[in-house]
Amino acid sequence: MSTLKLSKLLETERFFEDTLVLNRIGIDSDINFHQDDKNLYISMNLPEIHPDKIDVYVKNGYLHIKETKEETKEEDGECYSKEIYKGSFEQMIKLPEGIKEDDMDFDLYKGELTITLPKI
């Protein structure tokens, strides 16, 4: 069994206490945050999103994740219920201090977006 020192646990909690997810528009996806000594990692599931249509960038301490999709035309006939959303989304996340904003990497593979943000 591995143990985690209390000081390390408190440091980790302080690192994430100012991290805030804002502006969830058009998508409801859970977000995972984890870190090591060199990087902060953020991952989220984004099924059915093409890698060429996603825009991920950091500006003024916020991580922005945007995707624009054209709404598909409804089939002929009357629609009784519509629960499948197919449109744009935007996610904005306030990053903790100590992140290199100009050196970010991201990958979208099989519907999972993974973002790597190096620490200063």
PDB file of N, CA and C in Angstrom:
ATOM      1  N   MET A   1       0.849  -1.173   0.000  1.00  0.00           N
ATOM      2  CA  MET A   1       0.000   0.000   0.000  1.00  0.00           C
ATOM      3  C   MET A   1       0.893   1.234   0.000  1.00  0.00           C
ATOM      4  N   SER A   2       0.613   2.171  -0.881  1.00  0.00           N
ATOM      5  CA  SER A   2       1.391   3.403  -0.897  1.00  0.00           C
ATOM      6  C   SER A   2       0.767   4.422   0.061  1.00  0.00           C
ATOM      7  N   THR A   3       1.628   5.261   0.619  1.00  0.00           N
ATOM      8  CA  THR A   3       1.137   6.284   1.536  1.00  0.00           C
ATOM      9  C   THR A   3       1.430   7.658   0.964  1.00  0.00           C
ATOM     10  N   LEU A   4       0.633   8.603   1.341  1.00  0.00           N
ATOM     11  CA  LEU A   4       0.791   9.979   0.898  1.00  0.00           C
ATOM     12  C   LEU A   4       0.979  10.848   2.127  1.00  0.00           C
ATOM     13  N   LYS A   5       2.077  11.579   2.157  1.00  0.00           N
ATOM     14  CA  LYS A   5       2.338  12.451   3.294  1.00  0.00           C
ATOM     15  C   LYS A   5       1.277  13.543   3.370  1.00  0.00           C
ATOM     16  N   LEU A   6       0.915  13.904   4.597  1.00  0.00           N
ATOM     17  CA  LEU A   6      -0.109  14.921   4.800  1.00  0.00           C
ATOM     18  C   LEU A   6       0.277  16.234   4.142  1.00  0.00           C
ATOM     19  N   SER A   7       1.546  16.625   4.211  1.00  0.00           N
ATOM     20  CA  SER A   7       1.974  17.883   3.602  1.00  0.00           C
ATOM     21  C   SER A   7       1.772  17.857   2.088  1.00  0.00           C
ATOM     22  N   LYS A   8       2.011  16.715   1.468  1.00  0.00           N
ATOM     23  CA  LYS A   8       1.814  16.579   0.020  1.00  0.00           C
ATOM     24  C   LYS A   8       0.326  16.651  -0.317  1.00  0.00           C
ATOM     25  N   LEU A   9      -0.506  16.022   0.515  1.00  0.00           N
ATOM     26  CA  LEU A   9      -1.945  16.072   0.297  1.00  0.00           C
ATOM     27  C   LEU A   9      -2.465  17.502   0.410  1.00  0.00           C
ATOM     28  N   LEU A  10      -2.034  18.233   1.421  1.00  0.00           N
ATOM     29  CA  LEU A  10      -2.475  19.619   1.589  1.00  0.00           C
ATOM     30  C   LEU A  10      -1.983  20.489   0.442  1.00  0.00           C
ATOM     31  N   GLU A  11      -0.770  20.237  -0.031  1.00  0.00           N
ATOM     32  CA  GLU A  11      -0.237  20.990  -1.179  1.00  0.00           C
ATOM     33  C   GLU A  11      -1.089  20.735  -2.414  1.00  0.00           C
ATOM     34  N   THR A  12      -1.481  19.493  -2.626  1.00  0.00           N
ATOM     35  CA  THR A  12      -2.319  19.141  -3.771  1.00  0.00           C
ATOM     36  C   THR A  12      -3.680  19.823  -3.673  1.00  0.00           C
ATOM     37  N   GLU A  13      -4.273  19.812  -2.476  1.00  0.00           N
ATOM     38  CA  GLU A  13      -5.568  20.463  -2.300  1.00  0.00           C
ATOM     39  C   GLU A  13      -5.465  21.959  -2.567  1.00  0.00           C
ATOM     40  N   ARG A  14      -4.395  22.600  -2.106  1.00  0.00           N
ATOM     41  CA  ARG A  14      -4.218  24.037  -2.360  1.00  0.00           C
ATOM     42  C   ARG A  14      -4.034  24.296  -3.846  1.00  0.00           C
ATOM     43  N   PHE A  15      -3.352  23.388  -4.540  1.00  0.00           N
ATOM     44  CA  PHE A  15      -3.111  23.559  -5.969  1.00  0.00           C
ATOM     45  C   PHE A  15      -4.422  23.614  -6.736  1.00  0.00           C
ATOM     46  N   PHE A  16      -5.389  22.778  -6.329  1.00  0.00           N
ATOM     47  CA  PHE A  16      -6.647  22.700  -7.059  1.00  0.00           C
ATOM     48  C   PHE A  16      -7.760  23.555  -6.478  1.00  0.00           C
ATOM     49  N   GLU A  17      -7.580  24.160  -5.321  1.00  0.00           N
ATOM     50  CA  GLU A  17      -8.692  24.893  -4.708  1.00  0.00           C
ATOM     51  C   GLU A  17      -9.117  26.107  -5.519  1.00  0.00           C
ATOM     52  N   ASP A  18      -8.213  26.692  -6.303  1.00  0.00           N
ATOM     53  CA  ASP A  18      -8.574  27.840  -7.128  1.00  0.00           C
ATOM     54  C   ASP A  18      -8.976  27.443  -8.541  1.00  0.00           C
ATOM     55  N   THR A  19      -8.915  26.159  -8.863  1.00  0.00           N
ATOM     56  CA  THR A  19      -9.306  25.696 -10.181  1.00  0.00           C
ATOM     57  C   THR A  19     -10.827  25.653 -10.241  1.00  0.00           C
ATOM     58  N   LEU A  20     -11.381  26.262 -11.243  1.00  0.00           N
ATOM     59  CA  LEU A  20     -12.826  26.406 -11.320  1.00  0.00           C
ATOM     60  C   LEU A  20     -13.285  26.146 -12.742  1.00  0.00           C
ATOM     61  N   VAL A  21     -14.291  25.330 -12.899  1.00  0.00           N
ATOM     62  CA  VAL A  21     -14.860  25.068 -14.214  1.00  0.00           C
ATOM     63  C   VAL A  21     -15.977  26.073 -14.433  1.00  0.00           C
ATOM     64  N   LEU A  22     -15.884  26.810 -15.505  1.00  0.00           N
ATOM     65  CA  LEU A  22     -16.861  27.847 -15.822  1.00  0.00           C
ATOM     66  C   LEU A  22     -17.475  27.596 -17.192  1.00  0.00           C
ATOM     67  N   ASN A  23     -18.605  28.197 -17.429  1.00  0.00           N
ATOM     68  CA  ASN A  23     -19.197  28.285 -18.765  1.00  0.00           C
ATOM     69  C   ASN A  23     -19.317  26.944 -19.484  1.00  0.00           C
ATOM     70  N   ARG A  24     -19.991  26.021 -18.883  1.00  0.00           N
ATOM     71  CA  ARG A  24     -20.282  24.776 -19.587  1.00  0.00           C
ATOM     72  C   ARG A  24     -21.468  25.043 -20.496  1.00  0.00           C
ATOM     73  N   ILE A  25     -21.185  25.263 -21.753  1.00  0.00           N
ATOM     74  CA  ILE A  25     -22.234  25.605 -22.708  1.00  0.00           C
ATOM     75  C   ILE A  25     -22.318  24.498 -23.754  1.00  0.00           C
ATOM     76  N   GLY A  26     -23.440  23.827 -23.817  1.00  0.00           N
ATOM     77  CA  GLY A  26     -23.705  22.896 -24.899  1.00  0.00           C
ATOM     78  C   GLY A  26     -23.207  21.484 -24.689  1.00  0.00           C
ATOM     79  N   ILE A  27     -22.574  21.184 -23.578  1.00  0.00           N
ATOM     80  CA  ILE A  27     -22.117  19.816 -23.356  1.00  0.00           C
ATOM     81  C   ILE A  27     -22.055  19.562 -21.858  1.00  0.00           C
ATOM     82  N   ASP A  28     -22.295  18.348 -21.470  1.00  0.00           N
ATOM     83  CA  ASP A  28     -22.190  17.983 -20.064  1.00  0.00           C
ATOM     84  C   ASP A  28     -21.200  16.835 -19.971  1.00  0.00           C
ATOM     85  N   SER A  29     -19.941  17.166 -19.770  1.00  0.00           N
ATOM     86  CA  SER A  29     -18.888  16.176 -19.711  1.00  0.00           C
ATOM     87  C   SER A  29     -18.112  16.341 -18.412  1.00  0.00           C
ATOM     88  N   ASP A  30     -17.840  15.222 -17.763  1.00  0.00           N
ATOM     89  CA  ASP A  30     -17.047  15.273 -16.539  1.00  0.00           C
ATOM     90  C   ASP A  30     -15.594  15.551 -16.884  1.00  0.00           C
ATOM     91  N   ILE A  31     -14.898  16.176 -15.945  1.00  0.00           N
ATOM     92  CA  ILE A  31     -13.507  16.551 -16.156  1.00  0.00           C
ATOM     93  C   ILE A  31     -12.663  15.947 -15.050  1.00  0.00           C
ATOM     94  N   ASN A  32     -11.533  15.353 -15.428  1.00  0.00           N
ATOM     95  CA  ASN A  32     -10.573  14.828 -14.463  1.00  0.00           C
ATOM     96  C   ASN A  32      -9.331  15.708 -14.472  1.00  0.00           C
ATOM     97  N   PHE A  33      -8.831  16.017 -13.280  1.00  0.00           N
ATOM     98  CA  PHE A  33      -7.590  16.760 -13.114  1.00  0.00           C
ATOM     99  C   PHE A  33      -6.619  15.863 -12.351  1.00  0.00           C
ATOM    100  N   HIS A  34      -5.385  15.786 -12.800  1.00  0.00           N
ATOM    101  CA  HIS A  34      -4.339  15.166 -11.996  1.00  0.00           C
ATOM    102  C   HIS A  34      -3.013  15.813 -12.362  1.00  0.00           C
ATOM    103  N   GLN A  35      -2.013  15.570 -11.540  1.00  0.00           N
ATOM    104  CA  GLN A  35      -0.732  16.231 -11.744  1.00  0.00           C
ATOM    105  C   GLN A  35       0.408  15.322 -11.322  1.00  0.00           C
ATOM    106  N   ASP A  36       1.590  15.650 -11.830  1.00  0.00           N
ATOM    107  CA  ASP A  36       2.823  15.079 -11.322  1.00  0.00           C
ATOM    108  C   ASP A  36       3.759  16.251 -11.060  1.00  0.00           C
ATOM    109  N   ASP A  37       5.025  15.995 -10.884  1.00  0.00           N
ATOM    110  CA  ASP A  37       5.957  17.072 -10.559  1.00  0.00           C
ATOM    111  C   ASP A  37       6.117  18.087 -11.689  1.00  0.00           C
ATOM    112  N   LYS A  38       5.892  17.664 -12.937  1.00  0.00           N
ATOM    113  CA  LYS A  38       6.167  18.531 -14.084  1.00  0.00           C
ATOM    114  C   LYS A  38       4.943  19.096 -14.779  1.00  0.00           C
ATOM    115  N   ASN A  39       3.814  18.398 -14.698  1.00  0.00           N
ATOM    116  CA  ASN A  39       2.649  18.775 -15.505  1.00  0.00           C
ATOM    117  C   ASN A  39       1.338  18.694 -14.737  1.00  0.00           C
ATOM    118  N   LEU A  40       0.361  19.462 -15.229  1.00  0.00           N
ATOM    119  CA  LEU A  40      -1.037  19.338 -14.852  1.00  0.00           C
ATOM    120  C   LEU A  40      -1.726  18.679 -16.043  1.00  0.00           C
ATOM    121  N   TYR A  41      -2.531  17.657 -15.772  1.00  0.00           N
ATOM    122  CA  TYR A  41      -3.247  16.941 -16.834  1.00  0.00           C
ATOM    123  C   TYR A  41      -4.740  17.132 -16.632  1.00  0.00           C
ATOM    124  N   ILE A  42      -5.425  17.418 -17.717  1.00  0.00           N
ATOM    125  CA  ILE A  42      -6.874  17.560 -17.700  1.00  0.00           C
ATOM    126  C   ILE A  42      -7.415  16.628 -18.769  1.00  0.00           C
ATOM    127  N   SER A  43      -8.418  15.838 -18.423  1.00  0.00           N
ATOM    128  CA  SER A  43      -9.015  14.955 -19.421  1.00  0.00           C
ATOM    129  C   SER A  43     -10.535  15.006 -19.303  1.00  0.00           C
ATOM    130  N   MET A  44     -11.161  14.831 -20.438  1.00  0.00           N
ATOM    131  CA  MET A  44     -12.620  14.804 -20.485  1.00  0.00           C
ATOM    132  C   MET A  44     -13.073  14.019 -21.705  1.00  0.00           C
ATOM    133  N   ASN A  45     -14.238  13.406 -21.599  1.00  0.00           N
ATOM    134  CA  ASN A  45     -14.795  12.650 -22.714  1.00  0.00           C
ATOM    135  C   ASN A  45     -15.562  13.590 -23.628  1.00  0.00           C
ATOM    136  N   LEU A  46     -15.217  13.538 -24.908  1.00  0.00           N
ATOM    137  CA  LEU A  46     -15.899  14.334 -25.923  1.00  0.00           C
ATOM    138  C   LEU A  46     -16.221  13.429 -27.114  1.00  0.00           C
ATOM    139  N   PRO A  47     -17.207  12.553 -26.972  1.00  0.00           N
ATOM    140  CA  PRO A  47     -17.525  11.633 -28.064  1.00  0.00           C
ATOM    141  C   PRO A  47     -18.049  12.371 -29.291  1.00  0.00           C
ATOM    142  N   GLU A  48     -17.788  11.795 -30.433  1.00  0.00           N
ATOM    143  CA  GLU A  48     -18.280  12.293 -31.720  1.00  0.00           C
ATOM    144  C   GLU A  48     -17.765  13.677 -32.086  1.00  0.00           C
ATOM    145  N   ILE A  49     -16.617  14.051 -31.568  1.00  0.00           N
ATOM    146  CA  ILE A  49     -16.021  15.332 -31.935  1.00  0.00           C
ATOM    147  C   ILE A  49     -14.768  15.066 -32.753  1.00  0.00           C
ATOM    148  N   HIS A  50     -14.698  15.687 -33.905  1.00  0.00           N
ATOM    149  CA  HIS A  50     -13.560  15.508 -34.801  1.00  0.00           C
ATOM    150  C   HIS A  50     -12.389  16.365 -34.329  1.00  0.00           C
ATOM    151  N   PRO A  51     -11.178  15.818 -34.275  1.00  0.00           N
ATOM    152  CA  PRO A  51     -10.015  16.578 -33.796  1.00  0.00           C
ATOM    153  C   PRO A  51      -9.749  17.877 -34.560  1.00  0.00           C
ATOM    154  N   ASP A  52     -10.111  17.923 -35.837  1.00  0.00           N
ATOM    155  CA  ASP A  52      -9.876  19.137 -36.623  1.00  0.00           C
ATOM    156  C   ASP A  52     -10.854  20.263 -36.287  1.00  0.00           C
ATOM    157  N   LYS A  53     -11.917  19.955 -35.577  1.00  0.00           N
ATOM    158  CA  LYS A  53     -12.938  20.969 -35.285  1.00  0.00           C
ATOM    159  C   LYS A  53     -12.885  21.472 -33.849  1.00  0.00           C
ATOM    160  N   ILE A  54     -11.847  21.082 -33.111  1.00  0.00           N
ATOM    161  CA  ILE A  54     -11.751  21.508 -31.715  1.00  0.00           C
ATOM    162  C   ILE A  54     -10.647  22.553 -31.577  1.00  0.00           C
ATOM    163  N   ASP A  55     -10.887  23.528 -30.739  1.00  0.00           N
ATOM    164  CA  ASP A  55      -9.932  24.601 -30.486  1.00  0.00           C
ATOM    165  C   ASP A  55      -9.654  24.630 -28.983  1.00  0.00           C
ATOM    166  N   VAL A  56      -8.398  24.412 -28.607  1.00  0.00           N
ATOM    167  CA  VAL A  56      -8.005  24.394 -27.203  1.00  0.00           C
ATOM    168  C   VAL A  56      -6.872  25.391 -27.042  1.00  0.00           C
ATOM    169  N   TYR A  57      -7.043  26.345 -26.120  1.00  0.00           N
ATOM    170  CA  TYR A  57      -5.996  27.337 -25.888  1.00  0.00           C
ATOM    171  C   TYR A  57      -6.097  27.900 -24.477  1.00  0.00           C
ATOM    172  N   VAL A  58      -5.003  28.523 -24.035  1.00  0.00           N
ATOM    173  CA  VAL A  58      -4.955  29.167 -22.725  1.00  0.00           C
ATOM    174  C   VAL A  58      -4.805  30.660 -22.946  1.00  0.00           C
ATOM    175  N   LYS A  59      -5.628  31.442 -22.240  1.00  0.00           N
ATOM    176  CA  LYS A  59      -5.566  32.889 -22.337  1.00  0.00           C
ATOM    177  C   LYS A  59      -5.924  33.493 -20.983  1.00  0.00           C
ATOM    178  N   ASN A  60      -5.049  34.352 -20.483  1.00  0.00           N
ATOM    179  CA  ASN A  60      -5.274  35.069 -19.219  1.00  0.00           C
ATOM    180  C   ASN A  60      -5.625  34.152 -18.049  1.00  0.00           C
ATOM    181  N   GLY A  61      -4.951  33.007 -17.964  1.00  0.00           N
ATOM    182  CA  GLY A  61      -5.156  32.099 -16.847  1.00  0.00           C
ATOM    183  C   GLY A  61      -6.343  31.163 -16.987  1.00  0.00           C
ATOM    184  N   TYR A  62      -6.988  31.137 -18.130  1.00  0.00           N
ATOM    185  CA  TYR A  62      -8.139  30.271 -18.365  1.00  0.00           C
ATOM    186  C   TYR A  62      -7.865  29.342 -19.538  1.00  0.00           C
ATOM    187  N   LEU A  63      -8.238  28.084 -19.360  1.00  0.00           N
ATOM    188  CA  LEU A  63      -8.182  27.116 -20.438  1.00  0.00           C
ATOM    189  C   LEU A  63      -9.519  27.169 -21.169  1.00  0.00           C
ATOM    190  N   HIS A  64      -9.471  27.334 -22.482  1.00  0.00           N
ATOM    191  CA  HIS A  64     -10.679  27.393 -23.314  1.00  0.00           C
ATOM    192  C   HIS A  64     -10.728  26.148 -24.197  1.00  0.00           C
ATOM    193  N   ILE A  65     -11.883  25.506 -24.230  1.00  0.00           N
ATOM    194  CA  ILE A  65     -12.116  24.356 -25.091  1.00  0.00           C
ATOM    195  C   ILE A  65     -13.378  24.667 -25.887  1.00  0.00           C
ATOM    196  N   LYS A  66     -13.230  24.741 -27.213  1.00  0.00           N
ATOM    197  CA  LYS A  66     -14.373  25.095 -28.065  1.00  0.00           C
ATOM    198  C   LYS A  66     -14.480  24.114 -29.219  1.00  0.00           C
ATOM    199  N   GLU A  67     -15.714  23.871 -29.628  1.00  0.00           N
ATOM    200  CA  GLU A  67     -15.979  23.068 -30.808  1.00  0.00           C
ATOM    201  C   GLU A  67     -17.260  23.562 -31.442  1.00  0.00           C
ATOM    202  N   THR A  68     -17.236  23.669 -32.741  1.00  0.00           N
ATOM    203  CA  THR A  68     -18.420  24.104 -33.462  1.00  0.00           C
ATOM    204  C   THR A  68     -18.826  23.019 -34.442  1.00  0.00           C
ATOM    205  N   LYS A  69     -20.076  22.653 -34.387  1.00  0.00           N
ATOM    206  CA  LYS A  69     -20.647  21.651 -35.270  1.00  0.00           C
ATOM    207  C   LYS A  69     -21.913  22.215 -35.869  1.00  0.00           C
ATOM    208  N   GLU A  70     -22.127  21.942 -37.122  1.00  0.00           N
ATOM    209  CA  GLU A  70     -23.378  22.381 -37.729  1.00  0.00           C
ATOM    210  C   GLU A  70     -24.499  21.480 -37.227  1.00  0.00           C
ATOM    211  N   GLU A  71     -25.621  22.091 -36.917  1.00  0.00           N
ATOM    212  CA  GLU A  71     -26.808  21.341 -36.504  1.00  0.00           C
ATOM    213  C   GLU A  71     -27.293  20.546 -37.707  1.00  0.00           C
ATOM    214  N   THR A  72     -27.578  19.266 -37.499  1.00  0.00           N
ATOM    215  CA  THR A  72     -28.059  18.444 -38.603  1.00  0.00           C
ATOM    216  C   THR A  72     -29.545  18.691 -38.819  1.00  0.00           C
ATOM    217  N   LYS A  73     -29.960  18.576 -40.073  1.00  0.00           N
ATOM    218  CA  LYS A  73     -31.361  18.790 -40.417  1.00  0.00           C
ATOM    219  C   LYS A  73     -32.209  17.633 -39.896  1.00  0.00           C
ATOM    220  N   GLU A  74     -33.326  17.977 -39.325  1.00  0.00           N
ATOM    221  CA  GLU A  74     -34.241  16.967 -38.797  1.00  0.00           C
ATOM    222  C   GLU A  74     -34.845  16.166 -39.946  1.00  0.00           C
ATOM    223  N   GLU A  75     -35.165  14.935 -39.632  1.00  0.00           N
ATOM    224  CA  GLU A  75     -35.860  14.106 -40.607  1.00  0.00           C
ATOM    225  C   GLU A  75     -37.259  14.665 -40.819  1.00  0.00           C
ATOM    226  N   ASP A  76     -37.827  14.349 -41.975  1.00  0.00           N
ATOM    227  CA  ASP A  76     -39.194  14.789 -42.248  1.00  0.00           C
ATOM    228  C   ASP A  76     -40.156  14.170 -41.242  1.00  0.00           C
ATOM    229  N   GLY A  77     -41.176  14.884 -40.932  1.00  0.00           N
ATOM    230  CA  GLY A  77     -42.176  14.392 -39.994  1.00  0.00           C
ATOM    231  C   GLY A  77     -42.148  15.208 -38.720  1.00  0.00           C
ATOM    232  N   GLU A  78     -43.000  14.803 -37.794  1.00  0.00           N
ATOM    233  CA  GLU A  78     -43.150  15.528 -36.540  1.00  0.00           C
ATOM    234  C   GLU A  78     -42.207  14.956 -35.476  1.00  0.00           C
ATOM    235  N   CYS A  79     -41.526  15.822 -34.758  1.00  0.00           N
ATOM    236  CA  CYS A  79     -40.607  15.411 -33.699  1.00  0.00           C
ATOM    237  C   CYS A  79     -41.341  15.438 -32.357  1.00  0.00           C
ATOM    238  N   TYR A  80     -41.362  14.324 -31.650  1.00  0.00           N
ATOM    239  CA  TYR A  80     -42.045  14.248 -30.359  1.00  0.00           C
ATOM    240  C   TYR A  80     -41.122  14.631 -29.203  1.00  0.00           C
ATOM    241  N   SER A  81     -39.845  14.324 -29.354  1.00  0.00           N
ATOM    242  CA  SER A  81     -38.877  14.606 -28.288  1.00  0.00           C
ATOM    243  C   SER A  81     -37.491  14.690 -28.905  1.00  0.00           C
ATOM    244  N   LYS A  82     -36.693  15.606 -28.393  1.00  0.00           N
ATOM    245  CA  LYS A  82     -35.334  15.732 -28.901  1.00  0.00           C
ATOM    246  C   LYS A  82     -34.392  15.851 -27.703  1.00  0.00           C
ATOM    247  N   GLU A  83     -33.594  14.816 -27.470  1.00  0.00           N
ATOM    248  CA  GLU A  83     -32.659  14.801 -26.359  1.00  0.00           C
ATOM    249  C   GLU A  83     -31.209  14.728 -26.812  1.00  0.00           C
ATOM    250  N   ILE A  84     -30.976  14.502 -28.086  1.00  0.00           N
ATOM    251  CA  ILE A  84     -29.618  14.421 -28.603  1.00  0.00           C
ATOM    252  C   ILE A  84     -29.226  15.796 -29.120  1.00  0.00           C
ATOM    253  N   TYR A  85     -28.253  16.391 -28.452  1.00  0.00           N
ATOM    254  CA  TYR A  85     -27.792  17.724 -28.819  1.00  0.00           C
ATOM    255  C   TYR A  85     -26.650  17.609 -29.808  1.00  0.00           C
ATOM    256  N   LYS A  86     -26.759  18.304 -30.915  1.00  0.00           N
ATOM    257  CA  LYS A  86     -25.694  18.327 -31.913  1.00  0.00           C
ATOM    258  C   LYS A  86     -25.470  19.764 -32.324  1.00  0.00           C
ATOM    259  N   GLY A  87     -24.590  20.412 -31.647  1.00  0.00           N
ATOM    260  CA  GLY A  87     -24.284  21.798 -31.946  1.00  0.00           C
ATOM    261  C   GLY A  87     -22.940  22.158 -31.359  1.00  0.00           C
ATOM    262  N   SER A  88     -22.732  23.401 -31.075  1.00  0.00           N
ATOM    263  CA  SER A  88     -21.458  23.880 -30.567  1.00  0.00           C
ATOM    264  C   SER A  88     -21.376  23.728 -29.058  1.00  0.00           C
ATOM    265  N   PHE A  89     -20.148  23.729 -28.552  1.00  0.00           N
ATOM    266  CA  PHE A  89     -19.970  23.796 -27.120  1.00  0.00           C
ATOM    267  C   PHE A  89     -18.742  24.630 -26.806  1.00  0.00           C
ATOM    268  N   GLU A  90     -18.704  25.129 -25.591  1.00  0.00           N
ATOM    269  CA  GLU A  90     -17.568  25.905 -25.116  1.00  0.00           C
ATOM    270  C   GLU A  90     -17.392  25.619 -23.639  1.00  0.00           C
ATOM    271  N   GLN A  91     -16.176  25.390 -23.233  1.00  0.00           N
ATOM    272  CA  GLN A  91     -15.831  25.120 -21.840  1.00  0.00           C
ATOM    273  C   GLN A  91     -14.687  26.051 -21.459  1.00  0.00           C
ATOM    274  N   MET A  92     -14.771  26.648 -20.273  1.00  0.00           N
ATOM    275  CA  MET A  92     -13.718  27.534 -19.803  1.00  0.00           C
ATOM    276  C   MET A  92     -13.363  27.123 -18.382  1.00  0.00           C
ATOM    277  N   ILE A  93     -12.066  26.914 -18.132  1.00  0.00           N
ATOM    278  CA  ILE A  93     -11.594  26.433 -16.841  1.00  0.00           C
ATOM    279  C   ILE A  93     -10.511  27.381 -16.328  1.00  0.00           C
ATOM    280  N   LYS A  94     -10.705  27.905 -15.115  1.00  0.00           N
ATOM    281  CA  LYS A  94      -9.683  28.754 -14.497  1.00  0.00           C
ATOM    282  C   LYS A  94      -8.561  27.853 -14.023  1.00  0.00           C
ATOM    283  N   LEU A  95      -7.354  28.148 -14.467  1.00  0.00           N
ATOM    284  CA  LEU A  95      -6.205  27.331 -14.098  1.00  0.00           C
ATOM    285  C   LEU A  95      -5.542  27.850 -12.834  1.00  0.00           C
ATOM    286  N   PRO A  96      -4.931  26.948 -12.074  1.00  0.00           N
ATOM    287  CA  PRO A  96      -4.195  27.392 -10.892  1.00  0.00           C
ATOM    288  C   PRO A  96      -2.927  28.134 -11.317  1.00  0.00           C
ATOM    289  N   GLU A  97      -2.361  28.899 -10.408  1.00  0.00           N
ATOM    290  CA  GLU A  97      -1.108  29.592 -10.697  1.00  0.00           C
ATOM    291  C   GLU A  97       0.004  28.570 -10.856  1.00  0.00           C
ATOM    292  N   GLY A  98       1.062  28.972 -11.578  1.00  0.00           N
ATOM    293  CA  GLY A  98       2.215  28.097 -11.744  1.00  0.00           C
ATOM    294  C   GLY A  98       2.158  27.239 -12.989  1.00  0.00           C
ATOM    295  N   ILE A  99       1.328  27.614 -13.955  1.00  0.00           N
ATOM    296  CA  ILE A  99       1.200  26.877 -15.211  1.00  0.00           C
ATOM    297  C   ILE A  99       1.816  27.706 -16.333  1.00  0.00           C
ATOM    298  N   LYS A 100       2.584  27.049 -17.214  1.00  0.00           N
ATOM    299  CA  LYS A 100       3.139  27.724 -18.400  1.00  0.00           C
ATOM    300  C   LYS A 100       2.023  27.825 -19.437  1.00  0.00           C
ATOM    301  N   GLU A 101       1.506  29.012 -19.626  1.00  0.00           N
ATOM    302  CA  GLU A 101       0.365  29.196 -20.526  1.00  0.00           C
ATOM    303  C   GLU A 101       0.733  29.041 -21.999  1.00  0.00           C
ATOM    304  N   ASP A 102       1.981  29.258 -22.335  1.00  0.00           N
ATOM    305  CA  ASP A 102       2.365  29.246 -23.755  1.00  0.00           C
ATOM    306  C   ASP A 102       2.919  27.898 -24.216  1.00  0.00           C
ATOM    307  N   ASP A 103       2.834  26.872 -23.387  1.00  0.00           N
ATOM    308  CA  ASP A 103       3.427  25.577 -23.730  1.00  0.00           C
ATOM    309  C   ASP A 103       2.465  24.442 -23.402  1.00  0.00           C
ATOM    310  N   MET A 104       1.328  24.415 -24.096  1.00  0.00           N
ATOM    311  CA  MET A 104       0.285  23.439 -23.830  1.00  0.00           C
ATOM    312  C   MET A 104       0.237  22.418 -24.960  1.00  0.00           C
ATOM    313  N   ASP A 105      -0.155  21.197 -24.634  1.00  0.00           N
ATOM    314  CA  ASP A 105      -0.321  20.156 -25.639  1.00  0.00           C
ATOM    315  C   ASP A 105      -1.658  19.466 -25.386  1.00  0.00           C
ATOM    316  N   PHE A 106      -2.343  19.073 -26.456  1.00  0.00           N
ATOM    317  CA  PHE A 106      -3.587  18.320 -26.271  1.00  0.00           C
ATOM    318  C   PHE A 106      -3.730  17.271 -27.345  1.00  0.00           C
ATOM    319  N   ASP A 107      -4.499  16.244 -27.016  1.00  0.00           N
ATOM    320  CA  ASP A 107      -4.738  15.142 -27.933  1.00  0.00           C
ATOM    321  C   ASP A 107      -6.181  14.691 -27.762  1.00  0.00           C
ATOM    322  N   LEU A 108      -6.860  14.468 -28.866  1.00  0.00           N
ATOM    323  CA  LEU A 108      -8.214  13.925 -28.846  1.00  0.00           C
ATOM    324  C   LEU A 108      -8.152  12.578 -29.547  1.00  0.00           C
ATOM    325  N   TYR A 109      -8.314  11.525 -28.764  1.00  0.00           N
ATOM    326  CA  TYR A 109      -8.198  10.175 -29.303  1.00  0.00           C
ATOM    327  C   TYR A 109      -9.363   9.331 -28.806  1.00  0.00           C
ATOM    328  N   LYS A 110     -10.095   8.768 -29.746  1.00  0.00           N
ATOM    329  CA  LYS A 110     -11.250   7.915 -29.435  1.00  0.00           C
ATOM    330  C   LYS A 110     -12.214   8.578 -28.460  1.00  0.00           C
ATOM    331  N   GLY A 111     -12.450   9.872 -28.651  1.00  0.00           N
ATOM    332  CA  GLY A 111     -13.433  10.589 -27.860  1.00  0.00           C
ATOM    333  C   GLY A 111     -12.950  11.092 -26.512  1.00  0.00           C
ATOM    334  N   GLU A 112     -11.672  10.906 -26.187  1.00  0.00           N
ATOM    335  CA  GLU A 112     -11.145  11.417 -24.926  1.00  0.00           C
ATOM    336  C   GLU A 112     -10.124  12.518 -25.209  1.00  0.00           C
ATOM    337  N   LEU A 113     -10.407  13.687 -24.692  1.00  0.00           N
ATOM    338  CA  LEU A 113      -9.498  14.823 -24.816  1.00  0.00           C
ATOM    339  C   LEU A 113      -8.556  14.821 -23.623  1.00  0.00           C
ATOM    340  N   THR A 114      -7.254  14.838 -23.893  1.00  0.00           N
ATOM    341  CA  THR A 114      -6.245  14.906 -22.848  1.00  0.00           C
ATOM    342  C   THR A 114      -5.405  16.151 -23.094  1.00  0.00           C
ATOM    343  N   ILE A 115      -5.316  17.001 -22.079  1.00  0.00           N
ATOM    344  CA  ILE A 115      -4.567  18.255 -22.161  1.00  0.00           C
ATOM    345  C   ILE A 115      -3.418  18.182 -21.166  1.00  0.00           C
ATOM    346  N   THR A 116      -2.220  18.542 -21.630  1.00  0.00           N
ATOM    347  CA  THR A 116      -1.042  18.554 -20.780  1.00  0.00           C
ATOM    348  C   THR A 116      -0.551  19.993 -20.673  1.00  0.00           C
ATOM    349  N   LEU A 117      -0.482  20.478 -19.435  1.00  0.00           N
ATOM    350  CA  LEU A 117      -0.041  21.848 -19.165  1.00  0.00           C
ATOM    351  C   LEU A 117       1.195  21.791 -18.263  1.00  0.00           C
ATOM    352  N   PRO A 118       2.368  22.168 -18.785  1.00  0.00           N
ATOM    353  CA  PRO A 118       3.582  22.129 -17.961  1.00  0.00           C
ATOM    354  C   PRO A 118       3.518  23.160 -16.829  1.00  0.00           C
ATOM    355  N   LYS A 119       4.129  22.800 -15.715  1.00  0.00           N
ATOM    356  CA  LYS A 119       4.242  23.713 -14.574  1.00  0.00           C
ATOM    357  C   LYS A 119       5.499  24.554 -14.729  1.00  0.00           C
ATOM    358  N   ILE A 120       5.489  25.724 -14.087  1.00  0.00           N
ATOM    359  CA  ILE A 120       6.660  26.601 -14.110  1.00  0.00           C
ATOM    360  C   ILE A 120       7.710  26.027 -13.184  1.00  0.00           C
TER     361      ILE A 120
END
